[in-house]
C-alpha atoms as a PDB file:
ATOM      1  CA  MET A   1       0.000   0.000   0.000  1.00  0.00           C
ATOM      2  CA  SER A   2       1.629   3.251  -1.095  1.00  0.00           C
ATOM      3  CA  GLY A   3       0.749   6.808  -0.157  1.00  0.00           C
ATOM      4  CA  ALA A   4       0.665   9.909  -2.350  1.00  0.00           C
ATOM      5  CA  LYS A   5       4.086  11.026  -1.096  1.00  0.00           C
ATOM      6  CA  GLY A   6       5.768   7.694  -1.814  1.00  0.00           C
ATOM      7  CA  TRP A   7       5.306   6.208   1.657  1.00  0.00           C
ATOM      8  CA  THR A   8       4.883   2.458   1.527  1.00  0.00           C
ATOM      9  CA  LEU A   9       3.846  -0.432   3.722  1.00  0.00           C
ATOM     10  CA  ASP A  10       5.319  -2.952   1.314  1.00  0.00           C
ATOM     11  CA  PRO A  11       8.583  -4.727   2.216  1.00  0.00           C
ATOM     12  CA  VAL A  12      11.681  -2.972   0.868  1.00  0.00           C
ATOM     13  CA  PRO A  13      14.030  -5.071  -1.333  1.00  0.00           C
ATOM     14  CA  GLU A  14      17.060  -6.283   0.598  1.00  0.00           C
ATOM     15  CA  GLU A  15      19.524  -4.256  -1.473  1.00  0.00           C
ATOM     16  CA  ALA A  16      17.682  -1.016  -0.573  1.00  0.00           C
ATOM     17  CA  ARG A  17      17.498  -1.614   3.183  1.00  0.00           C
ATOM     18  CA  PRO A  18      19.612   0.639   5.429  1.00  0.00           C
ATOM     19  CA  TRP A  19      20.078  -2.155   7.988  1.00  0.00           C
ATOM     20  CA  ARG A  20      21.665  -5.540   7.252  1.00  0.00           C
ATOM     21  CA  VAL A  21      20.923  -8.781   9.092  1.00  0.00           C
ATOM     22  CA  VAL A  22      24.278 -10.259  10.130  1.00  0.00           C
ATOM     23  CA  SER A  23      22.816 -13.349  11.784  1.00  0.00           C
ATOM     24  CA  SER A  24      19.548 -14.649  13.126  1.00  0.00           C
ATOM     25  CA  ARG A  25      18.687 -17.371  15.607  1.00  0.00           C
ATOM     26  CA  ALA A  26      15.297 -18.837  16.445  1.00  0.00           C
ATOM     27  CA  VAL A  27      14.368 -18.450  20.119  1.00  0.00           C
ATOM     28  CA  VAL A  28      10.681 -19.440  20.184  1.00  0.00           C
ATOM     29  CA  ARG A  29       8.594 -21.392  17.673  1.00  0.00           C
ATOM     30  CA  ASN A  30       4.894 -22.073  18.220  1.00  0.00           C
ATOM     31  CA  ARG A  31       1.559 -21.560  16.470  1.00  0.00           C
ATOM     32  CA  PHE A  32       1.102 -18.039  17.861  1.00  0.00           C
ATOM     33  CA  LEU A  33       4.587 -16.558  17.647  1.00  0.00           C
ATOM     34  CA  ASN A  34       8.040 -17.034  16.187  1.00  0.00           C
ATOM     35  CA  LEU A  35      10.632 -15.028  18.112  1.00  0.00           C
ATOM     36  CA  ASP A  36      14.038 -14.400  16.529  1.00  0.00           C
ATOM     37  CA  ALA A  37      17.161 -12.786  17.963  1.00  0.00           C
ATOM     38  CA  GLU A  38      18.838 -10.981  15.075  1.00  0.00           C
ATOM     39  CA  ALA A  39      22.188  -9.269  14.928  1.00  0.00           C
ATOM     40  CA  VAL A  40      21.730  -6.255  12.644  1.00  0.00           C
ATOM     41  CA  ALA A  41      24.236  -3.736  11.346  1.00  0.00           C
ATOM     42  CA  THR A  42      22.949  -0.202  10.820  1.00  0.00           C
ATOM     43  CA  ARG A  43      24.010   2.084   7.979  1.00  0.00           C
ATOM     44  CA  ARG A  44      26.275   3.931  10.461  1.00  0.00           C
ATOM     45  CA  GLY A  45      28.019   0.679  11.394  1.00  0.00           C
ATOM     46  CA  ALA A  46      26.448   0.005  14.776  1.00  0.00           C
ATOM     47  CA  VAL A  47      25.654  -3.646  15.497  1.00  0.00           C
ATOM     48  CA  LEU A  48      22.492  -4.288  17.495  1.00  0.00           C
ATOM     49  CA  ASP A  49      22.576  -7.754  19.039  1.00  0.00           C
ATOM     50  CA  PRO A  50      20.135  -9.078  19.980  1.00  0.00           C
ATOM     51  CA  TYR A  51      17.487  -7.223  18.022  1.00  0.00           C
ATOM     52  CA  TRP A  52      14.194  -8.956  18.772  1.00  0.00           C
ATOM     53  CA  VAL A  53      11.862  -9.695  15.858  1.00  0.00           C
ATOM     54  CA  MET A  54       8.449 -11.262  16.471  1.00  0.00           C
ATOM     55  CA  ASP A  55       6.915 -13.093  13.535  1.00  0.00           C
ATOM     56  CA  TYR A  56       3.149 -13.235  14.048  1.00  0.00           C
ATOM     57  CA  PRO A  57       0.412 -14.224  11.615  1.00  0.00           C
ATOM     58  CA  ASP A  58      -1.566 -11.244  10.302  1.00  0.00           C
ATOM     59  CA  TRP A  59      -4.447 -10.012  12.457  1.00  0.00           C
ATOM     60  CA  VAL A  60      -7.878  -8.850  11.333  1.00  0.00           C
ATOM     61  CA  LEU A  61     -10.252  -6.417  13.039  1.00  0.00           C
ATOM     62  CA  ALA A  62     -13.947  -6.289  12.156  1.00  0.00           C
ATOM     63  CA  ILE A  63     -15.215  -2.744  12.707  1.00  0.00           C
ATOM     64  CA  THR A  64     -18.896  -3.601  12.721  1.00  0.00           C
ATOM     65  CA  LEU A  65     -21.946  -1.366  12.318  1.00  0.00           C
ATOM     66  CA  THR A  66     -25.593  -2.302  12.731  1.00  0.00           C
ATOM     67  CA  ALA A  67     -28.389  -0.805  10.624  1.00  0.00           C
ATOM     68  CA  ASP A  68     -29.265   1.549  13.503  1.00  0.00           C
ATOM     69  CA  ASP A  69     -25.697   2.926  13.679  1.00  0.00           C
ATOM     70  CA  GLN A  70     -24.365   1.001  16.638  1.00  0.00           C
ATOM     71  CA  LEU A  71     -20.881  -0.450  16.900  1.00  0.00           C
ATOM     72  CA  VAL A  72     -20.618  -4.140  17.774  1.00  0.00           C
ATOM     73  CA  LEU A  73     -17.768  -4.429  20.274  1.00  0.00           C
ATOM     74  CA  VAL A  74     -16.461  -6.898  22.820  1.00  0.00           C
ATOM     75  CA  ARG A  75     -15.490  -6.269  26.415  1.00  0.00           C
ATOM     76  CA  GLN A  76     -12.523  -8.601  26.727  1.00  0.00           C
ATOM     77  CA  TRP A  77     -10.182  -9.556  29.559  1.00  0.00           C
ATOM     78  CA  ARG A  78      -6.559  -8.741  28.697  1.00  0.00           C
ATOM     79  CA  GLU A  79      -4.222 -10.626  30.984  1.00  0.00           C
ATOM     80  CA  ALA A  80      -1.035  -8.607  30.412  1.00  0.00           C
ATOM     81  CA  ALA A  81      -2.862  -5.384  31.309  1.00  0.00           C
ATOM     82  CA  LYS A  82      -4.845  -7.156  34.064  1.00  0.00           C
ATOM     83  CA  ALA A  83      -7.844  -5.194  32.831  1.00  0.00           C
ATOM     84  CA  TRP A  84     -11.020  -5.337  30.763  1.00  0.00           C
ATOM     85  CA  SER A  85     -10.688  -3.752  27.338  1.00  0.00           C
ATOM     86  CA  LEU A  86     -13.438  -2.532  25.001  1.00  0.00           C
ATOM     87  CA  GLU A  87     -12.450  -3.581  21.475  1.00  0.00           C
ATOM     88  CA  PRO A  88     -13.715  -4.468  18.014  1.00  0.00           C
ATOM     89  CA  PRO A  89     -13.981  -8.217  17.414  1.00  0.00           C
ATOM     90  CA  GLY A  90     -11.029  -9.723  15.590  1.00  0.00           C
ATOM     91  CA  GLY A  91      -8.379 -12.374  15.528  1.00  0.00           C
ATOM     92  CA  VAL A  92      -5.602 -14.181  13.729  1.00  0.00           C
ATOM     93  CA  MET A  93      -5.858 -14.604   9.982  1.00  0.00           C
ATOM     94  CA  ASP A  94      -5.530 -18.271   9.047  1.00  0.00           C
ATOM     95  CA  ALA A  95      -3.309 -19.031   6.048  1.00  0.00           C
ATOM     96  CA  GLU A  96      -6.182 -20.753   4.270  1.00  0.00           C
ATOM     97  CA  ASP A  97      -8.459 -17.694   4.630  1.00  0.00           C
ATOM     98  CA  GLY A  98      -6.727 -15.799   1.819  1.00  0.00           C
ATOM     99  CA  ASP A  99      -9.060 -12.818   2.265  1.00  0.00           C
ATOM    100  CA  PRO A 100      -9.213 -10.696   5.447  1.00  0.00           C
ATOM    101  CA  CYS A 101     -12.980 -10.375   4.978  1.00  0.00           C
ATOM    102  CA  VAL A 102     -13.308 -14.133   5.466  1.00  0.00           C
ATOM    103  CA  THR A 103     -11.425 -13.896   8.759  1.00  0.00           C
ATOM    104  CA  ALA A 104     -13.463 -10.864   9.830  1.00  0.00           C
ATOM    105  CA  ALA A 105     -16.764 -12.651   9.176  1.00  0.00           C
ATOM    106  CA  ARG A 106     -15.610 -15.706  11.136  1.00  0.00           C
ATOM    107  CA  GLU A 107     -14.261 -13.748  14.112  1.00  0.00           C
ATOM    108  CA  LEU A 108     -17.348 -11.519  14.229  1.00  0.00           C
ATOM    109  CA  ARG A 109     -19.621 -14.569  14.317  1.00  0.00           C
ATOM    110  CA  GLU A 110     -17.516 -16.490  16.863  1.00  0.00           C
ATOM    111  CA  GLU A 111     -16.896 -13.598  19.251  1.00  0.00           C
ATOM    112  CA  THR A 112     -20.258 -11.798  19.130  1.00  0.00           C
ATOM    113  CA  GLY A 113     -22.837 -14.009  17.393  1.00  0.00           C
ATOM    114  CA  PHE A 114     -23.349 -11.244  14.796  1.00  0.00           C
ATOM    115  CA  ALA A 115     -23.084 -11.468  11.015  1.00  0.00           C
ATOM    116  CA  ALA A 116     -22.802  -8.615   8.490  1.00  0.00           C
ATOM    117  CA  THR A 117     -24.202  -8.459   4.972  1.00  0.00           C
ATOM    118  CA  ARG A 118     -21.399  -6.223   3.647  1.00  0.00           C
ATOM    119  CA  LEU A 119     -17.699  -6.543   4.438  1.00  0.00           C
ATOM    120  CA  ARG A 120     -14.832  -4.663   2.801  1.00  0.00           C
ATOM    121  CA  LEU A 121     -11.146  -4.177   3.488  1.00  0.00           C
ATOM    122  CA  VAL A 122     -10.421  -0.508   4.217  1.00  0.00           C
ATOM    123  CA  GLY A 123      -6.733  -0.679   5.157  1.00  0.00           C
ATOM    124  CA  SER A 124      -3.753  -2.752   6.261  1.00  0.00           C
ATOM    125  CA  LEU A 125      -1.396  -1.415   8.930  1.00  0.00           C
ATOM    126  CA  TRP A 126       1.792  -2.735  10.534  1.00  0.00           C
ATOM    127  CA  SER A 127       1.029  -3.886  14.089  1.00  0.00           C
ATOM    128  CA  ASP A 128       4.462  -2.714  15.343  1.00  0.00           C
ATOM    129  CA  PRO A 129       6.955  -2.091  12.515  1.00  0.00           C
ATOM    130  CA  ALA A 130       9.896  -1.920  14.913  1.00  0.00           C
ATOM    131  CA  HIS A 131       9.578  -5.511  16.082  1.00  0.00           C
ATOM    132  CA  ASN A 132       6.556  -7.312  14.560  1.00  0.00           C
ATOM    133  CA  THR A 133       6.377  -8.722  11.042  1.00  0.00           C
ATOM    134  CA  ASN A 134       2.587  -8.794  10.782  1.00  0.00           C
ATOM    135  CA  ARG A 135      -0.134  -6.422   9.698  1.00  0.00           C
ATOM    136  CA  ILE A 136      -3.560  -5.576  11.051  1.00  0.00           C
ATOM    137  CA  HIS A 137      -6.159  -5.778   8.283  1.00  0.00           C
ATOM    138  CA  VAL A 138      -9.061  -3.421   8.944  1.00  0.00           C
ATOM    139  CA  VAL A 139     -12.414  -4.684   7.675  1.00  0.00           C
ATOM    140  CA  LEU A 140     -15.562  -2.563   7.724  1.00  0.00           C
ATOM    141  CA  ALA A 141     -18.577  -4.823   8.355  1.00  0.00           C
ATOM    142  CA  GLU A 142     -21.945  -3.154   7.773  1.00  0.00           C
ATOM    143  CA  ASP A 143     -25.626  -4.007   8.261  1.00  0.00           C
ATOM    144  CA  ALA A 144     -24.771  -6.434  11.046  1.00  0.00           C
ATOM    145  CA  ALA A 145     -27.410  -8.307  13.010  1.00  0.00           C
ATOM    146  CA  GLU A 146     -27.530 -11.131  15.521  1.00  0.00           C
ATOM    147  CA  ALA A 147     -27.188 -14.493  13.803  1.00  0.00           C
ATOM    148  CA  GLY A 148     -26.644 -16.903  16.673  1.00  0.00           C
ATOM    149  CA  VAL A 149     -24.741 -17.286  19.913  1.00  0.00           C
ATOM    150  CA  PRO A 150     -21.012 -16.569  20.332  1.00  0.00           C
ATOM    151  CA  GLU A 151     -18.568 -19.482  20.248  1.00  0.00           C
ATOM    152  CA  HIS A 152     -15.696 -18.386  22.453  1.00  0.00           C
ATOM    153  CA  GLU A 153     -12.385 -20.241  22.577  1.00  0.00           C
ATOM    154  CA  ALA A 154     -10.924 -21.476  25.863  1.00  0.00           C
ATOM    155  CA  GLY A 155      -8.689 -18.401  26.203  1.00  0.00           C
ATOM    156  CA  GLU A 156     -11.427 -15.854  25.489  1.00  0.00           C
ATOM    157  CA  GLU A 157     -13.302 -14.111  28.294  1.00  0.00           C
ATOM    158  CA  MET A 158     -15.591 -11.543  26.690  1.00  0.00           C
ATOM    159  CA  GLN A 159     -19.069 -10.094  26.383  1.00  0.00           C
ATOM    160  CA  THR A 160     -20.729  -8.472  23.367  1.00  0.00           C
ATOM    161  CA  VAL A 161     -21.387  -4.737  23.764  1.00  0.00           C
ATOM    162  CA  LEU A 162     -23.425  -2.523  21.410  1.00  0.00           C
ATOM    163  CA  LEU A 163     -22.842   1.224  21.611  1.00  0.00           C
ATOM    164  CA  PRO A 164     -23.973   4.088  19.368  1.00  0.00           C
ATOM    165  CA  VAL A 165     -21.157   5.370  17.150  1.00  0.00           C
ATOM    166  CA  ALA A 166     -21.543   8.879  18.629  1.00  0.00           C
ATOM    167  CA  GLU A 167     -21.143   7.532  22.169  1.00  0.00           C
ATOM    168  CA  VAL A 168     -17.954   5.672  21.245  1.00  0.00           C
ATOM    169  CA  LEU A 169     -16.462   8.755  19.561  1.00  0.00           C
ATOM    170  CA  GLU A 170     -17.336  10.902  22.587  1.00  0.00           C
ATOM    171  CA  GLY A 171     -15.829   8.313  24.913  1.00  0.00           C
ATOM    172  CA  ILE A 172     -12.485   7.889  23.142  1.00  0.00           C
ATOM    173  CA  PRO A 173     -10.840  10.981  24.729  1.00  0.00           C
ATOM    174  CA  ARG A 174     -12.006   9.723  28.141  1.00  0.00           C
ATOM    175  CA  GLY A 175     -10.380   6.293  27.698  1.00  0.00           C
ATOM    176  CA  LEU A 176     -13.341   4.241  26.493  1.00  0.00           C
ATOM    177  CA  VAL A 177     -11.069   2.492  23.943  1.00  0.00           C
ATOM    178  CA  THR A 178      -7.545   2.011  25.305  1.00  0.00           C
ATOM    179  CA  HIS A 179      -6.024  -0.643  23.013  1.00  0.00           C
ATOM    180  CA  ALA A 180      -3.610   1.394  20.863  1.00  0.00           C
ATOM    181  CA  ALA A 181      -3.585  -1.148  18.034  1.00  0.00           C
ATOM    182  CA  HIS A 182      -7.383  -0.892  17.789  1.00  0.00           C
ATOM    183  CA  LEU A 183      -7.954   2.850  18.012  1.00  0.00           C
ATOM    184  CA  GLY A 184      -6.396   3.731  14.635  1.00  0.00           C
ATOM    185  CA  PRO A 185      -8.260   0.970  12.768  1.00  0.00           C
ATOM    186  CA  LEU A 186     -11.523   2.003  14.425  1.00  0.00           C
ATOM    187  CA  LEU A 187     -11.155   5.592  13.247  1.00  0.00           C
ATOM    188  CA  LEU A 188     -10.009   4.489   9.773  1.00  0.00           C
ATOM    189  CA  ALA A 189     -13.082   2.287   9.325  1.00  0.00           C
ATOM    190  CA  LEU A 190     -15.496   4.914  10.657  1.00  0.00           C
ATOM    191  CA  ARG A 191     -14.052   7.344   8.129  1.00  0.00           C
ATOM    192  CA  ALA A 192     -14.596   4.796   5.348  1.00  0.00           C
ATOM    193  CA  ALA A 193     -18.192   4.385   6.570  1.00  0.00           C
ATOM    194  CA  GLY A 194     -18.762   8.137   6.348  1.00  0.00           C
ATOM    195  CA  ARG A 195     -19.256   8.570  10.116  1.00  0.00           C
ATOM    196  CA  ILE A 196     -16.254  10.865  10.656  1.00  0.00           C
ATOM    197  CA  ALA A 197     -13.948  12.973   8.483  1.00  0.00           C
ATOM    198  CA  PHE A 198     -10.239  13.737   8.711  1.00  0.00           C
END
């Protein structure tokens, strides 16, 4: 994805990179995360060792609107923060999905019991370009309605929450949404839906 000023989210060819990987060793390998300790040489000649790189699968967020202009969110326990977090539904993109909209539809249904009639990709963002290899795909899901009961996984502790878009926007400056990786996608999708402008 390239911007008007030449900014890009696409990987840069190795010969054009200002940093060079001198060596890399695998530290952790499992289905959720590959953690590598790299030794990298900067353009100025500094060697950073270890430089931690986390290889995650891509993530998808389903920014979901109902016909009466409510956002479908989840109130989810986040163990590292030891706190409840109000977030859009989402999850890991499976390799066989191929399309972030497929993942978004699945995660929306599993986490909230809702289904949307229209889903479209509105952006793809790096989750943490300093250390993570994956992107967050932002899917706008519209005309959502209840379609069944949620099917939570063993590690998911959450409840479905519906809030008017205006209430969410008013609550953001007061800390209603505190997950940094979710706030940008939420605003991006609401802009694509015509609910806000910037």
